[in-house]
C-alpha atoms as a PDB file:
ATOM      1  CA  UNK A   1      11.347   7.238  11.234  1.00  0.00           C
ATOM      2  CA  UNK A   2      11.849   6.778   7.494  1.00  0.00           C
ATOM      3  CA  UNK A   3       8.789   6.829   5.260  1.00  0.00           C
ATOM      4  CA  UNK A   4      10.340   4.245   2.941  1.00  0.00           C
ATOM      5  CA  UNK A   5       9.235   0.645   3.440  1.00  0.00           C
ATOM      6  CA  UNK A   6      11.922  -1.854   4.376  1.00  0.00           C
ATOM      7  CA  UNK A   7      11.401  -5.463   3.316  1.00  0.00           C
ATOM      8  CA  UNK A   8      13.020  -8.713   4.352  1.00  0.00           C
ATOM      9  CA  UNK A   9      12.156 -12.051   2.777  1.00  0.00           C
ATOM     10  CA  UNK A  10      12.527 -15.612   3.955  1.00  0.00           C
ATOM     11  CA  UNK A  11      11.842 -17.895   0.968  1.00  0.00           C
ATOM     12  CA  UNK A  12      11.985 -20.943   3.235  1.00  0.00           C
ATOM     13  CA  UNK A  13      10.048 -19.460   6.159  1.00  0.00           C
ATOM     14  CA  UNK A  14      10.922 -17.559   9.316  1.00  0.00           C
ATOM     15  CA  UNK A  15      13.536 -19.569  11.206  1.00  0.00           C
ATOM     16  CA  UNK A  16      12.163 -18.709  14.639  1.00  0.00           C
ATOM     17  CA  UNK A  17       8.565 -19.607  13.747  1.00  0.00           C
ATOM     18  CA  UNK A  18       8.442 -22.090  10.881  1.00  0.00           C
ATOM     19  CA  UNK A  19      11.825 -23.459   9.798  1.00  0.00           C
ATOM     20  CA  UNK A  20      11.296 -24.870   6.299  1.00  0.00           C
ATOM     21  CA  UNK A  21       7.863 -23.263   6.457  1.00  0.00           C
ATOM     22  CA  UNK A  22       5.986 -21.036   4.040  1.00  0.00           C
ATOM     23  CA  UNK A  23       7.800 -18.264   2.133  1.00  0.00           C
ATOM     24  CA  UNK A  24       7.410 -15.056   4.122  1.00  0.00           C
ATOM     25  CA  UNK A  25       7.960 -11.356   3.474  1.00  0.00           C
ATOM     26  CA  UNK A  26       8.086  -8.826   6.326  1.00  0.00           C
ATOM     27  CA  UNK A  27       7.542  -5.164   5.434  1.00  0.00           C
ATOM     28  CA  UNK A  28       8.429  -2.520   8.004  1.00  0.00           C
ATOM     29  CA  UNK A  29       6.729   0.802   7.361  1.00  0.00           C
ATOM     30  CA  UNK A  30       5.063   3.609   9.293  1.00  0.00           C
ATOM     31  CA  UNK A  31       6.232   2.149  12.596  1.00  0.00           C
ATOM     32  CA  UNK A  32       4.634  -1.292  12.104  1.00  0.00           C
ATOM     33  CA  UNK A  33       5.453  -4.682  10.602  1.00  0.00           C
ATOM     34  CA  UNK A  34       3.328  -6.283   7.906  1.00  0.00           C
ATOM     35  CA  UNK A  35       3.932 -10.052   7.692  1.00  0.00           C
ATOM     36  CA  UNK A  36       2.821 -11.758   4.466  1.00  0.00           C
ATOM     37  CA  UNK A  37       2.960 -15.543   4.165  1.00  0.00           C
ATOM     38  CA  UNK A  38       2.609 -17.324   0.851  1.00  0.00           C
ATOM     39  CA  UNK A  39       1.810 -20.974   0.114  1.00  0.00           C
ATOM     40  CA  UNK A  40       4.613 -23.499   0.700  1.00  0.00           C
ATOM     41  CA  UNK A  41       6.849 -23.582  -2.369  1.00  0.00           C
ATOM     42  CA  UNK A  42       5.591 -20.207  -3.665  1.00  0.00           C
ATOM     43  CA  UNK A  43       9.071 -18.684  -3.546  1.00  0.00           C
ATOM     44  CA  UNK A  44       8.128 -15.884  -5.973  1.00  0.00           C
ATOM     45  CA  UNK A  45       5.036 -14.883  -3.992  1.00  0.00           C
ATOM     46  CA  UNK A  46       2.831 -15.209  -7.067  1.00  0.00           C
ATOM     47  CA  UNK A  47      -0.099 -17.043  -5.498  1.00  0.00           C
ATOM     48  CA  UNK A  48      -2.660 -16.034  -2.933  1.00  0.00           C
ATOM     49  CA  UNK A  49      -1.571 -14.809   0.477  1.00  0.00           C
ATOM     50  CA  UNK A  50      -2.047 -17.519   3.085  1.00  0.00           C
ATOM     51  CA  UNK A  51      -1.631 -15.216   6.076  1.00  0.00           C
ATOM     52  CA  UNK A  52      -1.352 -11.485   6.662  1.00  0.00           C
ATOM     53  CA  UNK A  53      -0.460 -10.003  10.040  1.00  0.00           C
ATOM     54  CA  UNK A  54       0.015  -6.404  11.092  1.00  0.00           C
ATOM     55  CA  UNK A  55       2.249  -6.179  14.160  1.00  0.00           C
ATOM     56  CA  UNK A  56       3.309  -3.243  16.277  1.00  0.00           C
ATOM     57  CA  UNK A  57       6.857  -2.049  15.751  1.00  0.00           C
ATOM     58  CA  UNK A  58       7.783   1.408  16.987  1.00  0.00           C
ATOM     59  CA  UNK A  59       4.100   2.471  16.888  1.00  0.00           C
ATOM     60  CA  UNK A  60       1.110   1.067  18.743  1.00  0.00           C
ATOM     61  CA  UNK A  61      -1.622  -0.385  16.559  1.00  0.00           C
ATOM     62  CA  UNK A  62      -4.006   2.521  16.908  1.00  0.00           C
ATOM     63  CA  UNK A  63      -6.746   3.288  14.423  1.00  0.00           C
ATOM     64  CA  UNK A  64      -4.740   6.213  13.032  1.00  0.00           C
ATOM     65  CA  UNK A  65      -1.865   3.872  12.194  1.00  0.00           C
ATOM     66  CA  UNK A  66      -4.125   1.161  10.771  1.00  0.00           C
ATOM     67  CA  UNK A  67      -5.830   3.681   8.461  1.00  0.00           C
ATOM     68  CA  UNK A  68      -2.463   4.426   6.873  1.00  0.00           C
ATOM     69  CA  UNK A  69      -2.080   0.831   5.690  1.00  0.00           C
ATOM     70  CA  UNK A  70      -5.480   0.287   4.074  1.00  0.00           C
ATOM     71  CA  UNK A  71      -5.143   2.697   1.114  1.00  0.00           C
ATOM     72  CA  UNK A  72      -1.794   1.142   0.130  1.00  0.00           C
ATOM     73  CA  UNK A  73      -2.590  -2.564   0.726  1.00  0.00           C
ATOM     74  CA  UNK A  74      -2.323  -3.469  -2.960  1.00  0.00           C
ATOM     75  CA  UNK A  75       1.040  -1.709  -3.270  1.00  0.00           C
ATOM     76  CA  UNK A  76       2.395  -3.463  -0.169  1.00  0.00           C
ATOM     77  CA  UNK A  77       1.466  -6.815  -1.682  1.00  0.00           C
ATOM     78  CA  UNK A  78       3.092  -5.904  -5.015  1.00  0.00           C
ATOM     79  CA  UNK A  79       6.228  -4.769  -3.181  1.00  0.00           C
ATOM     80  CA  UNK A  80       6.373  -8.004  -1.155  1.00  0.00           C
ATOM     81  CA  UNK A  81       5.901 -10.116  -4.298  1.00  0.00           C
ATOM     82  CA  UNK A  82       8.639  -8.253  -6.154  1.00  0.00           C
ATOM     83  CA  UNK A  83      10.971  -8.681  -3.161  1.00  0.00           C
ATOM     84  CA  UNK A  84      10.210 -12.418  -3.062  1.00  0.00           C
ATOM     85  CA  UNK A  85      11.155 -12.672  -6.756  1.00  0.00           C
ATOM     86  CA  UNK A  86      14.367 -10.670  -6.208  1.00  0.00           C
ATOM     87  CA  UNK A  87      15.591 -12.463  -3.104  1.00  0.00           C
ATOM     88  CA  UNK A  88      13.994 -15.877  -3.647  1.00  0.00           C
ATOM     89  CA  UNK A  89      15.983 -18.894  -4.820  1.00  0.00           C
ATOM     90  CA  UNK A  90      14.928 -18.747  -8.490  1.00  0.00           C
ATOM     91  CA  UNK A  91      15.521 -16.494 -11.490  1.00  0.00           C
ATOM     92  CA  UNK A  92      18.198 -15.286 -13.861  1.00  0.00           C
ATOM     93  CA  UNK A  93      20.158 -12.073 -13.192  1.00  0.00           C
ATOM     94  CA  UNK A  94      18.055 -10.361 -15.886  1.00  0.00           C
ATOM     95  CA  UNK A  95      14.783 -11.473 -14.249  1.00  0.00           C
ATOM     96  CA  UNK A  96      16.030 -10.298 -10.859  1.00  0.00           C
ATOM     97  CA  UNK A  97      16.968  -6.924 -12.360  1.00  0.00           C
ATOM     98  CA  UNK A  98      13.483  -6.550 -13.877  1.00  0.00           C
ATOM     99  CA  UNK A  99      11.907  -7.545 -10.548  1.00  0.00           C
ATOM    100  CA  UNK A 100      14.068  -4.993  -8.773  1.00  0.00           C
ATOM    101  CA  UNK A 101      12.831  -2.283 -11.146  1.00  0.00           C
ATOM    102  CA  UNK A 102       9.218  -3.338 -10.522  1.00  0.00           C
ATOM    103  CA  UNK A 103       9.793  -3.199  -6.764  1.00  0.00           C
ATOM    104  CA  UNK A 104      11.340   0.267  -7.080  1.00  0.00           C
ATOM    105  CA  UNK A 105       8.272   1.490  -8.993  1.00  0.00           C
ATOM    106  CA  UNK A 106       6.009   0.199  -6.218  1.00  0.00           C
ATOM    107  CA  UNK A 107       8.236   1.787  -3.584  1.00  0.00           C
ATOM    108  CA  UNK A 108       8.000   5.131  -5.357  1.00  0.00           C
ATOM    109  CA  UNK A 109       4.208   4.881  -5.281  1.00  0.00           C
ATOM    110  CA  UNK A 110       4.104   4.109  -1.544  1.00  0.00           C
ATOM    111  CA  UNK A 111       6.745   6.508  -0.258  1.00  0.00           C
ATOM    112  CA  UNK A 112       7.524   8.902  -3.068  1.00  0.00           C
ATOM    113  CA  UNK A 113       6.269  12.393  -3.673  1.00  0.00           C
ATOM    114  CA  UNK A 114       2.703  12.560  -4.877  1.00  0.00           C
ATOM    115  CA  UNK A 115       3.436  14.357  -8.140  1.00  0.00           C
ATOM    116  CA  UNK A 116       1.853  13.279 -11.369  1.00  0.00           C
ATOM    117  CA  UNK A 117      -0.912  11.264  -9.741  1.00  0.00           C
ATOM    118  CA  UNK A 118      -2.584   8.732 -12.002  1.00  0.00           C
ATOM    119  CA  UNK A 119      -6.147   8.533 -13.256  1.00  0.00           C
ATOM    120  CA  UNK A 120      -6.543   5.462 -11.057  1.00  0.00           C
ATOM    121  CA  UNK A 121      -5.619   7.521  -7.996  1.00  0.00           C
ATOM    122  CA  UNK A 122      -8.216  10.167  -8.846  1.00  0.00           C
ATOM    123  CA  UNK A 123     -10.834   7.450  -9.473  1.00  0.00           C
ATOM    124  CA  UNK A 124     -10.175   6.112  -5.967  1.00  0.00           C
ATOM    125  CA  UNK A 125     -10.474   9.619  -4.504  1.00  0.00           C
ATOM    126  CA  UNK A 126     -13.697  10.297  -6.447  1.00  0.00           C
ATOM    127  CA  UNK A 127     -15.209   6.972  -5.351  1.00  0.00           C
ATOM    128  CA  UNK A 128     -14.206   7.570  -1.744  1.00  0.00           C
ATOM    129  CA  UNK A 129     -15.657  11.077  -1.824  1.00  0.00           C
ATOM    130  CA  UNK A 130     -18.915   9.884  -3.423  1.00  0.00           C
ATOM    131  CA  UNK A 131     -19.222   7.156  -0.767  1.00  0.00           C
ATOM    132  CA  UNK A 132     -18.738   9.686   2.009  1.00  0.00           C
ATOM    133  CA  UNK A 133     -21.386  11.983   0.529  1.00  0.00           C
ATOM    134  CA  UNK A 134     -23.813   9.060  -0.006  1.00  0.00           C
ATOM    135  CA  UNK A 135     -23.283   7.984   3.608  1.00  0.00           C
ATOM    136  CA  UNK A 136     -24.285  11.459   4.775  1.00  0.00           C
ATOM    137  CA  UNK A 137     -20.852  12.613   5.913  1.00  0.00           C
ATOM    138  CA  UNK A 138     -21.334  16.313   6.709  1.00  0.00           C
ATOM    139  CA  UNK A 139     -17.689  17.204   5.922  1.00  0.00           C
ATOM    140  CA  UNK A 140     -16.416  14.837   3.204  1.00  0.00           C
ATOM    141  CA  UNK A 141     -13.317  16.904   2.348  1.00  0.00           C
ATOM    142  CA  UNK A 142     -12.282  16.903   5.992  1.00  0.00           C
ATOM    143  CA  UNK A 143     -12.873  13.133   6.136  1.00  0.00           C
ATOM    144  CA  UNK A 144     -10.677  12.640   3.038  1.00  0.00           C
ATOM    145  CA  UNK A 145      -7.912  14.790   4.494  1.00  0.00           C
ATOM    146  CA  UNK A 146      -7.912  12.713   7.679  1.00  0.00           C
ATOM    147  CA  UNK A 147      -8.134   9.387   5.859  1.00  0.00           C
ATOM    148  CA  UNK A 148      -5.168  10.155   3.607  1.00  0.00           C
ATOM    149  CA  UNK A 149      -3.138  12.158   6.141  1.00  0.00           C
ATOM    150  CA  UNK A 150      -2.865  15.226   3.923  1.00  0.00           C
ATOM    151  CA  UNK A 151      -3.826  18.860   4.366  1.00  0.00           C
ATOM    152  CA  UNK A 152      -7.369  20.053   3.671  1.00  0.00           C
ATOM    153  CA  UNK A 153      -5.898  22.004   0.791  1.00  0.00           C
ATOM    154  CA  UNK A 154      -4.424  18.842  -0.779  1.00  0.00           C
ATOM    155  CA  UNK A 155      -7.711  16.965  -0.419  1.00  0.00           C
ATOM    156  CA  UNK A 156      -9.530  19.885  -2.056  1.00  0.00           C
ATOM    157  CA  UNK A 157      -7.015  19.965  -4.923  1.00  0.00           C
ATOM    158  CA  UNK A 158      -7.499  16.223  -5.479  1.00  0.00           C
ATOM    159  CA  UNK A 159     -11.263  16.728  -5.738  1.00  0.00           C
ATOM    160  CA  UNK A 160     -10.833  19.675  -8.076  1.00  0.00           C
ATOM    161  CA  UNK A 161      -8.620  17.554 -10.330  1.00  0.00           C
ATOM    162  CA  UNK A 162     -11.042  14.598 -10.158  1.00  0.00           C
ATOM    163  CA  UNK A 163     -13.806  16.982 -11.307  1.00  0.00           C
ATOM    164  CA  UNK A 164     -11.595  18.356 -14.085  1.00  0.00           C
ATOM    165  CA  UNK A 165     -11.039  14.788 -15.293  1.00  0.00           C
ATOM    166  CA  UNK A 166     -14.796  14.157 -15.282  1.00  0.00           C
ATOM    167  CA  UNK A 167     -14.713  11.701 -12.388  1.00  0.00           C
ATOM    168  CA  UNK A 168     -17.034  13.791 -10.156  1.00  0.00           C
ATOM    169  CA  UNK A 169     -20.060  15.939 -10.867  1.00  0.00           C
ATOM    170  CA  UNK A 170     -19.309  19.675 -10.978  1.00  0.00           C
ATOM    171  CA  UNK A 171     -22.160  20.484  -8.623  1.00  0.00           C
ATOM    172  CA  UNK A 172     -21.250  17.961  -5.901  1.00  0.00           C
ATOM    173  CA  UNK A 173     -21.265  19.107  -2.292  1.00  0.00           C
ATOM    174  CA  UNK A 174     -17.690  19.638  -1.075  1.00  0.00           C
ATOM    175  CA  UNK A 175     -18.590  19.753   2.610  1.00  0.00           C
END
């Protein structure tokens, strides 16, 4: 199974469900399908999502699989919106090219190697860690490693870097 999301868009709705219905993007990733429906006429996917469904694909919808989608929800939405702008009925070739580049950047964030992680990423990790500690989690590093599907070593490195950047107290309990 590829770790790169695959997206299909139907600017005029899914033919088998809603012919001439709301613009829809379907992302296939991590063995599941994420269906995002936008408001009728929102061919670029710029407005609010009207419906979001997570469907089983090659994987059952188990908690382990569902946890993989939550941390990247914002990126999935950005990817779907960029795909709607690329494959939708509107736009100049230059606009479509720019939208393609934006979609590629999002794709790199979701599926690419985790090198050069951003400050925003470390803020999320620090906040998550602080929440786990505040909730009384006895092993917050272990909880982070499970939540993000990385090794304990990677989770520890993330926390070390978050501390180096001043996002966590130096004397925090690492579990």
